[in-house]
Amino acid sequence: MGQVTGRHENWGAFDREEITGLLHPGDNEIELDCVSRKGQSPATTSYAAIAASIHVTDAHGRERRIVTDSTWSARSASEDTWAPVRVVGPMSSRYSADVDSQRIHGPDRVATEASLFRKEFIVTGAVVCARLSITALGAYVAYVNGHPVAPATLLAPGFTDFRRRVEFRTHDVTALLSKGPNTLAAILGGGWYSSPMTWAGVRVTPGPNLLFAQLDLTMSDGTHQSIATTNRG
């Protein structure tokens, strides 16, 4: 018998299980038990579906994803013979009792893509004040000269009704700048804005993701310099 890693009864979100210690070189086997929900009177059993994605990183840093697809096998609890599964849609499909209804197609796994941004600029004198104002349609992490601007902040900006407003934050980054070449950078992903919500893959606002940032510098001689995402070159 295999080792049970956990159980999950909330259909509205993915469950995450750590299985690193259970895998070994060579052949491995994973079994997913899915129990159908029973309908109301007259008593019937509803259709059942399951979706899973296994993310494996080997000792050399190579990544592999194993998702539920037509290569998997299935059987009912009363049967002994395994047969090919019936694929009813990708992992982002909208589930319904009618497995033959029209579905919303999307990626076959949870989106993990991110965009990288950088802007190099020259500081010609001593900086007495530097303020970075930044926000995004998506989630961002900002860096100045390789140092995270807000190390403890994740999934910024916070969740809002993005059709109406988006929060921005202003950070004091004076200590992160130096005279000469400097770099402003950011990582941008879907976050609350365009990531699929729950296993059904619903996107409240589908994107695209956008980044807005402006770095305002005040120099010791009283001059000012601004570096913004709208700058050319």
C-alpha atoms as a PDB file:
ATOM      1  CA  MET A   1       0.000   0.000   0.000  1.00  0.00           C
ATOM      2  CA  GLY A   2       1.177   3.528  -0.727  1.00  0.00           C
ATOM      3  CA  GLN A   3       1.551   6.275   1.838  1.00  0.00           C
ATOM      4  CA  VAL A   4      -1.314   8.749   2.212  1.00  0.00           C
ATOM      5  CA  THR A   5      -0.089  12.332   1.781  1.00  0.00           C
ATOM      6  CA  GLY A   6      -3.355  14.094   2.640  1.00  0.00           C
ATOM      7  CA  ARG A   7      -6.986  14.579   1.779  1.00  0.00           C
ATOM      8  CA  HIS A   8      -9.034  17.483   0.490  1.00  0.00           C
ATOM      9  CA  GLU A   9     -12.795  18.067   0.482  1.00  0.00           C
ATOM     10  CA  ASN A  10     -13.038  21.708  -0.614  1.00  0.00           C
ATOM     11  CA  TRP A  11     -13.621  21.666  -4.377  1.00  0.00           C
ATOM     12  CA  GLY A  12     -13.081  25.426  -4.740  1.00  0.00           C
ATOM     13  CA  ALA A  13      -9.264  25.450  -4.556  1.00  0.00           C
ATOM     14  CA  PHE A  14      -6.191  23.340  -5.195  1.00  0.00           C
ATOM     15  CA  ASP A  15      -4.622  21.399  -2.351  1.00  0.00           C
ATOM     16  CA  ARG A  16      -0.817  21.352  -2.139  1.00  0.00           C
ATOM     17  CA  GLU A  17       1.056  18.329  -0.831  1.00  0.00           C
ATOM     18  CA  GLU A  18       4.802  17.980  -0.194  1.00  0.00           C
ATOM     19  CA  ILE A  19       5.861  14.566  -1.549  1.00  0.00           C
ATOM     20  CA  THR A  20       9.617  15.024  -1.999  1.00  0.00           C
ATOM     21  CA  GLY A  21      10.502  12.483   0.687  1.00  0.00           C
ATOM     22  CA  LEU A  22       8.227   9.843  -0.855  1.00  0.00           C
ATOM     23  CA  LEU A  23       9.827   9.781  -4.313  1.00  0.00           C
ATOM     24  CA  HIS A  24      12.811   7.590  -5.206  1.00  0.00           C
ATOM     25  CA  PRO A  25      14.968   6.946  -8.298  1.00  0.00           C
ATOM     26  CA  GLY A  26      13.265   4.775 -10.897  1.00  0.00           C
ATOM     27  CA  ASP A  27       9.572   3.986 -11.184  1.00  0.00           C
ATOM     28  CA  ASN A  28       7.107   5.769  -8.905  1.00  0.00           C
ATOM     29  CA  GLU A  29       3.336   5.505  -8.648  1.00  0.00           C
ATOM     30  CA  ILE A  30       0.748   8.032  -7.514  1.00  0.00           C
ATOM     31  CA  GLU A  31      -2.889   7.177  -6.861  1.00  0.00           C
ATOM     32  CA  LEU A  32      -5.692   9.714  -6.485  1.00  0.00           C
ATOM     33  CA  ASP A  33      -8.943   8.564  -4.901  1.00  0.00           C
ATOM     34  CA  CYS A  34     -11.975  10.621  -5.895  1.00  0.00           C
ATOM     35  CA  VAL A  35     -15.380  10.136  -4.243  1.00  0.00           C
ATOM     36  CA  SER A  36     -18.470  11.262  -6.159  1.00  0.00           C
ATOM     37  CA  ARG A  37     -20.960  13.553  -4.502  1.00  0.00           C
ATOM     38  CA  LYS A  38     -24.441  12.075  -4.128  1.00  0.00           C
ATOM     39  CA  GLY A  39     -27.282  14.071  -5.579  1.00  0.00           C
ATOM     40  CA  GLN A  40     -30.606  14.905  -3.986  1.00  0.00           C
ATOM     41  CA  SER A  41     -33.810  12.875  -4.322  1.00  0.00           C
ATOM     42  CA  PRO A  42     -34.093  10.808  -6.401  1.00  0.00           C
ATOM     43  CA  ALA A  43     -30.760   9.505  -5.111  1.00  0.00           C
ATOM     44  CA  THR A  44     -28.185   9.478  -7.894  1.00  0.00           C
ATOM     45  CA  THR A  45     -24.420   9.786  -8.070  1.00  0.00           C
ATOM     46  CA  SER A  46     -23.067  12.833  -9.870  1.00  0.00           C
ATOM     47  CA  TYR A  47     -20.164  12.875 -12.294  1.00  0.00           C
ATOM     48  CA  ALA A  48     -16.721  13.128 -10.685  1.00  0.00           C
ATOM     49  CA  ALA A  49     -13.573  14.738 -12.036  1.00  0.00           C
ATOM     50  CA  ILE A  50     -10.100  15.286 -10.680  1.00  0.00           C
ATOM     51  CA  ALA A  51      -7.166  17.490 -11.707  1.00  0.00           C
ATOM     52  CA  ALA A  52      -3.585  17.364 -10.467  1.00  0.00           C
ATOM     53  CA  SER A  53      -0.144  18.720 -11.333  1.00  0.00           C
ATOM     54  CA  ILE A  54       3.106  17.250  -9.968  1.00  0.00           C
ATOM     55  CA  HIS A  55       6.093  19.622 -10.051  1.00  0.00           C
ATOM     56  CA  VAL A  56       9.437  17.797  -9.850  1.00  0.00           C
ATOM     57  CA  THR A  57      12.888  19.439  -9.709  1.00  0.00           C
ATOM     58  CA  ASP A  58      15.860  17.073  -9.916  1.00  0.00           C
ATOM     59  CA  ALA A  59      19.313  17.452  -8.376  1.00  0.00           C
ATOM     60  CA  HIS A  60      20.551  19.290 -11.494  1.00  0.00           C
ATOM     61  CA  GLY A  61      17.805  21.908 -11.316  1.00  0.00           C
ATOM     62  CA  ARG A  62      15.823  20.490 -14.234  1.00  0.00           C
ATOM     63  CA  GLU A  63      12.071  20.935 -13.799  1.00  0.00           C
ATOM     64  CA  ARG A  64       9.319  18.602 -14.942  1.00  0.00           C
ATOM     65  CA  ARG A  65       5.547  18.833 -14.640  1.00  0.00           C
ATOM     66  CA  ILE A  66       3.310  15.784 -14.705  1.00  0.00           C
ATOM     67  CA  VAL A  67      -0.341  16.756 -15.172  1.00  0.00           C
ATOM     68  CA  THR A  68      -3.479  14.644 -15.289  1.00  0.00           C
ATOM     69  CA  ASP A  69      -4.086  13.815 -18.953  1.00  0.00           C
ATOM     70  CA  SER A  70      -4.883  10.914 -21.268  1.00  0.00           C
ATOM     71  CA  THR A  71      -1.787   8.965 -20.155  1.00  0.00           C
ATOM     72  CA  TRP A  72      -3.334   8.314 -16.733  1.00  0.00           C
ATOM     73  CA  SER A  73      -5.469   5.267 -15.894  1.00  0.00           C
ATOM     74  CA  ALA A  74      -8.641   4.989 -13.830  1.00  0.00           C
ATOM     75  CA  ARG A  75     -10.976   2.402 -12.332  1.00  0.00           C
ATOM     76  CA  SER A  76     -13.942   2.377  -9.986  1.00  0.00           C
ATOM     77  CA  ALA A  77     -13.642   0.995  -6.453  1.00  0.00           C
ATOM     78  CA  SER A  78     -15.648  -2.081  -7.486  1.00  0.00           C
ATOM     79  CA  GLU A  79     -13.362  -2.960 -10.401  1.00  0.00           C
ATOM     80  CA  ASP A  80      -9.900  -4.504 -10.596  1.00  0.00           C
ATOM     81  CA  THR A  81      -8.974  -3.475 -14.139  1.00  0.00           C
ATOM     82  CA  TRP A  82      -7.405  -0.104 -14.956  1.00  0.00           C
ATOM     83  CA  ALA A  83      -8.519   1.655 -18.155  1.00  0.00           C
ATOM     84  CA  PRO A  84      -7.519   4.927 -19.876  1.00  0.00           C
ATOM     85  CA  VAL A  85      -9.133   7.972 -18.270  1.00  0.00           C
ATOM     86  CA  ARG A  86     -11.700  10.091 -20.054  1.00  0.00           C
ATOM     87  CA  VAL A  87     -10.360  13.623 -20.425  1.00  0.00           C
ATOM     88  CA  VAL A  88     -13.196  16.137 -20.056  1.00  0.00           C
ATOM     89  CA  GLY A  89     -11.057  19.279 -20.380  1.00  0.00           C
ATOM     90  CA  PRO A  90      -7.832  21.025 -19.357  1.00  0.00           C
ATOM     91  CA  MET A  91      -7.191  21.868 -15.718  1.00  0.00           C
ATOM     92  CA  SER A  92      -8.658  25.356 -16.169  1.00  0.00           C
ATOM     93  CA  SER A  93     -11.961  24.090 -17.572  1.00  0.00           C
ATOM     94  CA  ARG A  94     -15.238  25.010 -15.926  1.00  0.00           C
ATOM     95  CA  TYR A  95     -16.701  21.916 -14.216  1.00  0.00           C
ATOM     96  CA  SER A  96     -20.340  20.984 -14.628  1.00  0.00           C
ATOM     97  CA  ALA A  97     -22.443  17.859 -14.225  1.00  0.00           C
ATOM     98  CA  ASP A  98     -22.809  17.593 -17.997  1.00  0.00           C
ATOM     99  CA  VAL A  99     -19.367  16.401 -19.102  1.00  0.00           C
ATOM    100  CA  ASP A 100     -20.250  16.966 -22.757  1.00  0.00           C
ATOM    101  CA  SER A 101     -21.231  20.642 -22.402  1.00  0.00           C
ATOM    102  CA  GLN A 102     -19.213  23.391 -24.052  1.00  0.00           C
ATOM    103  CA  ARG A 103     -16.203  24.359 -21.966  1.00  0.00           C
ATOM    104  CA  ILE A 104     -13.890  27.318 -21.558  1.00  0.00           C
ATOM    105  CA  HIS A 105     -10.451  26.182 -22.686  1.00  0.00           C
ATOM    106  CA  GLY A 106      -7.258  27.495 -21.158  1.00  0.00           C
ATOM    107  CA  PRO A 107      -3.783  26.402 -20.029  1.00  0.00           C
ATOM    108  CA  ASP A 108      -3.410  22.849 -18.724  1.00  0.00           C
ATOM    109  CA  ARG A 109      -1.751  23.949 -15.488  1.00  0.00           C
ATOM    110  CA  VAL A 110      -1.745  26.805 -12.996  1.00  0.00           C
ATOM    111  CA  ALA A 111      -0.054  29.821 -14.608  1.00  0.00           C
ATOM    112  CA  THR A 112       3.425  30.553 -13.237  1.00  0.00           C
ATOM    113  CA  GLU A 113       4.834  32.889 -15.900  1.00  0.00           C
ATOM    114  CA  ALA A 114       6.527  36.162 -14.918  1.00  0.00           C
ATOM    115  CA  SER A 115       8.028  39.130 -16.789  1.00  0.00           C
ATOM    116  CA  LEU A 116      11.345  40.765 -15.951  1.00  0.00           C
ATOM    117  CA  PHE A 117      11.949  44.514 -16.258  1.00  0.00           C
ATOM    118  CA  ARG A 118      15.074  46.616 -15.774  1.00  0.00           C
ATOM    119  CA  LYS A 119      16.103  50.225 -16.341  1.00  0.00           C
ATOM    120  CA  GLU A 120      19.700  51.392 -16.085  1.00  0.00           C
ATOM    121  CA  PHE A 121      20.408  55.040 -15.284  1.00  0.00           C
ATOM    122  CA  ILE A 122      23.251  57.287 -14.142  1.00  0.00           C
ATOM    123  CA  VAL A 123      23.295  59.281 -10.910  1.00  0.00           C
ATOM    124  CA  THR A 124      25.610  62.246 -11.421  1.00  0.00           C
ATOM    125  CA  GLY A 125      25.815  63.539  -7.845  1.00  0.00           C
ATOM    126  CA  ALA A 126      25.000  62.899  -4.211  1.00  0.00           C
ATOM    127  CA  VAL A 127      21.391  61.813  -3.584  1.00  0.00           C
ATOM    128  CA  VAL A 128      19.704  63.297  -0.505  1.00  0.00           C
ATOM    129  CA  CYS A 129      16.262  61.783  -1.148  1.00  0.00           C
ATOM    130  CA  ALA A 130      14.973  59.007  -3.404  1.00  0.00           C
ATOM    131  CA  ARG A 131      11.349  57.874  -3.497  1.00  0.00           C
ATOM    132  CA  LEU A 132      10.044  54.989  -5.608  1.00  0.00           C
ATOM    133  CA  SER A 133       6.292  55.054  -6.315  1.00  0.00           C
ATOM    134  CA  ILE A 134       5.131  51.795  -7.868  1.00  0.00           C
ATOM    135  CA  THR A 135       2.014  49.736  -8.627  1.00  0.00           C
ATOM    136  CA  ALA A 136       0.888  47.125 -11.108  1.00  0.00           C
ATOM    137  CA  LEU A 137      -1.991  45.319 -12.704  1.00  0.00           C
ATOM    138  CA  GLY A 138      -0.552  42.067 -11.408  1.00  0.00           C
ATOM    139  CA  ALA A 139       1.890  41.324  -8.576  1.00  0.00           C
ATOM    140  CA  TYR A 140       5.376  42.803  -8.507  1.00  0.00           C
ATOM    141  CA  VAL A 141       8.643  42.643  -6.588  1.00  0.00           C
ATOM    142  CA  ALA A 142      10.892  45.686  -7.105  1.00  0.00           C
ATOM    143  CA  TYR A 143      14.682  45.889  -6.829  1.00  0.00           C
ATOM    144  CA  VAL A 144      17.220  48.714  -6.769  1.00  0.00           C
ATOM    145  CA  ASN A 145      20.770  47.609  -7.606  1.00  0.00           C
ATOM    146  CA  GLY A 146      19.790  44.007  -6.835  1.00  0.00           C
ATOM    147  CA  HIS A 147      18.340  44.795  -3.399  1.00  0.00           C
ATOM    148  CA  PRO A 148      14.602  44.140  -2.847  1.00  0.00           C
ATOM    149  CA  VAL A 149      12.769  47.381  -2.114  1.00  0.00           C
ATOM    150  CA  ALA A 150      10.303  45.788   0.329  1.00  0.00           C
ATOM    151  CA  PRO A 151      11.573  42.294   1.282  1.00  0.00           C
ATOM    152  CA  ALA A 152       8.601  41.477   3.526  1.00  0.00           C
ATOM    153  CA  THR A 153       5.954  42.446   0.958  1.00  0.00           C
ATOM    154  CA  LEU A 154       4.346  39.743  -1.177  1.00  0.00           C
ATOM    155  CA  LEU A 155       1.583  39.963  -3.785  1.00  0.00           C
ATOM    156  CA  ALA A 156       1.708  43.769  -3.908  1.00  0.00           C
ATOM    157  CA  PRO A 157      -0.451  45.629  -4.653  1.00  0.00           C
ATOM    158  CA  GLY A 158      -3.281  44.260  -2.537  1.00  0.00           C
ATOM    159  CA  PHE A 159      -6.580  42.982  -3.886  1.00  0.00           C
ATOM    160  CA  THR A 160      -9.001  45.707  -5.014  1.00  0.00           C
ATOM    161  CA  ASP A 161     -11.725  46.081  -7.613  1.00  0.00           C
ATOM    162  CA  PHE A 162      -9.154  46.584 -10.386  1.00  0.00           C
ATOM    163  CA  ARG A 163     -11.818  47.979 -12.688  1.00  0.00           C
ATOM    164  CA  ARG A 164     -12.065  51.008 -10.395  1.00  0.00           C
ATOM    165  CA  ARG A 165      -8.746  51.519  -8.591  1.00  0.00           C
ATOM    166  CA  VAL A 166      -5.289  50.097  -7.983  1.00  0.00           C
ATOM    167  CA  GLU A 167      -3.217  50.804  -4.868  1.00  0.00           C
ATOM    168  CA  PHE A 168       0.303  52.196  -5.214  1.00  0.00           C
ATOM    169  CA  ARG A 169       3.088  52.365  -2.643  1.00  0.00           C
ATOM    170  CA  THR A 170       5.949  54.814  -2.142  1.00  0.00           C
ATOM    171  CA  HIS A 171       9.263  53.523  -0.778  1.00  0.00           C
ATOM    172  CA  ASP A 172      12.321  55.390   0.511  1.00  0.00           C
ATOM    173  CA  VAL A 173      15.212  53.901  -1.502  1.00  0.00           C
ATOM    174  CA  THR A 174      17.812  56.578  -0.818  1.00  0.00           C
ATOM    175  CA  ALA A 175      20.195  54.145   0.879  1.00  0.00           C
ATOM    176  CA  LEU A 176      20.093  51.761  -2.104  1.00  0.00           C
ATOM    177  CA  LEU A 177      21.441  54.262  -4.658  1.00  0.00           C
ATOM    178  CA  SER A 178      25.007  55.316  -5.351  1.00  0.00           C
ATOM    179  CA  LYS A 179      26.805  57.793  -7.606  1.00  0.00           C
ATOM    180  CA  GLY A 180      27.335  56.410 -11.089  1.00  0.00           C
ATOM    181  CA  PRO A 181      25.482  53.504 -12.776  1.00  0.00           C
ATOM    182  CA  ASN A 182      22.324  52.208 -11.039  1.00  0.00           C
ATOM    183  CA  THR A 183      19.599  49.733 -11.986  1.00  0.00           C
ATOM    184  CA  LEU A 184      15.878  49.706 -11.232  1.00  0.00           C
ATOM    185  CA  ALA A 185      14.297  46.282 -11.829  1.00  0.00           C
ATOM    186  CA  ALA A 186      11.061  44.403 -11.195  1.00  0.00           C
ATOM    187  CA  ILE A 187       9.488  40.961 -11.512  1.00  0.00           C
ATOM    188  CA  LEU A 188       5.838  41.034 -12.606  1.00  0.00           C
ATOM    189  CA  GLY A 189       3.338  38.180 -12.461  1.00  0.00           C
ATOM    190  CA  GLY A 190      -0.423  37.725 -12.489  1.00  0.00           C
ATOM    191  CA  GLY A 191      -1.079  38.080  -8.754  1.00  0.00           C
ATOM    192  CA  TRP A 192      -4.611  38.974  -7.725  1.00  0.00           C
ATOM    193  CA  TYR A 193      -5.186  40.671 -11.066  1.00  0.00           C
ATOM    194  CA  SER A 194      -4.930  38.049 -13.803  1.00  0.00           C
ATOM    195  CA  SER A 195      -4.135  34.711 -12.152  1.00  0.00           C
ATOM    196  CA  PRO A 196      -6.823  32.035 -12.454  1.00  0.00           C
ATOM    197  CA  MET A 197      -8.865  31.900  -9.257  1.00  0.00           C
ATOM    198  CA  THR A 198      -9.554  28.380  -7.917  1.00  0.00           C
ATOM    199  CA  TRP A 199      -9.127  25.178  -9.898  1.00  0.00           C
ATOM    200  CA  ALA A 200     -11.866  26.217 -12.319  1.00  0.00           C
ATOM    201  CA  GLY A 201      -9.486  28.760 -13.873  1.00  0.00           C
ATOM    202  CA  VAL A 202     -11.784  31.781 -13.483  1.00  0.00           C
ATOM    203  CA  ARG A 203     -10.069  35.100 -14.238  1.00  0.00           C
ATOM    204  CA  VAL A 204     -11.928  38.115 -12.850  1.00  0.00           C
ATOM    205  CA  THR A 205      -9.725  40.448 -14.922  1.00  0.00           C
ATOM    206  CA  PRO A 206      -7.854  38.570 -17.653  1.00  0.00           C
ATOM    207  CA  GLY A 207      -4.944  40.939 -18.240  1.00  0.00           C
ATOM    208  CA  PRO A 208      -2.578  41.912 -19.698  1.00  0.00           C
ATOM    209  CA  ASN A 209      -0.346  42.591 -16.703  1.00  0.00           C
ATOM    210  CA  LEU A 210       1.065  46.127 -16.505  1.00  0.00           C
ATOM    211  CA  LEU A 211       3.731  47.820 -14.369  1.00  0.00           C
ATOM    212  CA  PHE A 212       3.811  51.490 -13.409  1.00  0.00           C
ATOM    213  CA  ALA A 213       6.790  52.971 -11.565  1.00  0.00           C
ATOM    214  CA  GLN A 214       8.452  56.340 -11.011  1.00  0.00           C
ATOM    215  CA  LEU A 215      11.691  56.968  -9.138  1.00  0.00           C
ATOM    216  CA  ASP A 216      12.125  60.594  -8.001  1.00  0.00           C
ATOM    217  CA  LEU A 217      15.587  61.772  -6.956  1.00  0.00           C
ATOM    218  CA  THR A 218      16.544  64.962  -5.132  1.00  0.00           C
ATOM    219  CA  MET A 219      20.234  65.807  -5.429  1.00  0.00           C
ATOM    220  CA  SER A 220      22.435  67.653  -2.934  1.00  0.00           C
ATOM    221  CA  ASP A 221      22.580  70.673  -5.269  1.00  0.00           C
ATOM    222  CA  GLY A 222      18.773  70.937  -5.265  1.00  0.00           C
ATOM    223  CA  THR A 223      18.203  69.460  -8.724  1.00  0.00           C
ATOM    224  CA  HIS A 224      15.731  66.680  -9.427  1.00  0.00           C
ATOM    225  CA  GLN A 225      15.765  63.597 -11.624  1.00  0.00           C
ATOM    226  CA  SER A 226      12.910  61.222 -12.459  1.00  0.00           C
ATOM    227  CA  ILE A 227      13.075  57.712 -13.912  1.00  0.00           C
ATOM    228  CA  ALA A 228       9.682  56.363 -14.971  1.00  0.00           C
ATOM    229  CA  THR A 229       8.296  53.353 -16.826  1.00  0.00           C
ATOM    230  CA  THR A 230       7.067  55.729 -19.532  1.00  0.00           C
ATOM    231  CA  ASN A 231      10.574  56.965 -20.303  1.00  0.00           C
ATOM    232  CA  ARG A 232      11.994  56.160 -23.741  1.00  0.00           C
ATOM    233  CA  GLY A 233      15.437  54.685 -24.297  1.00  0.00           C
END
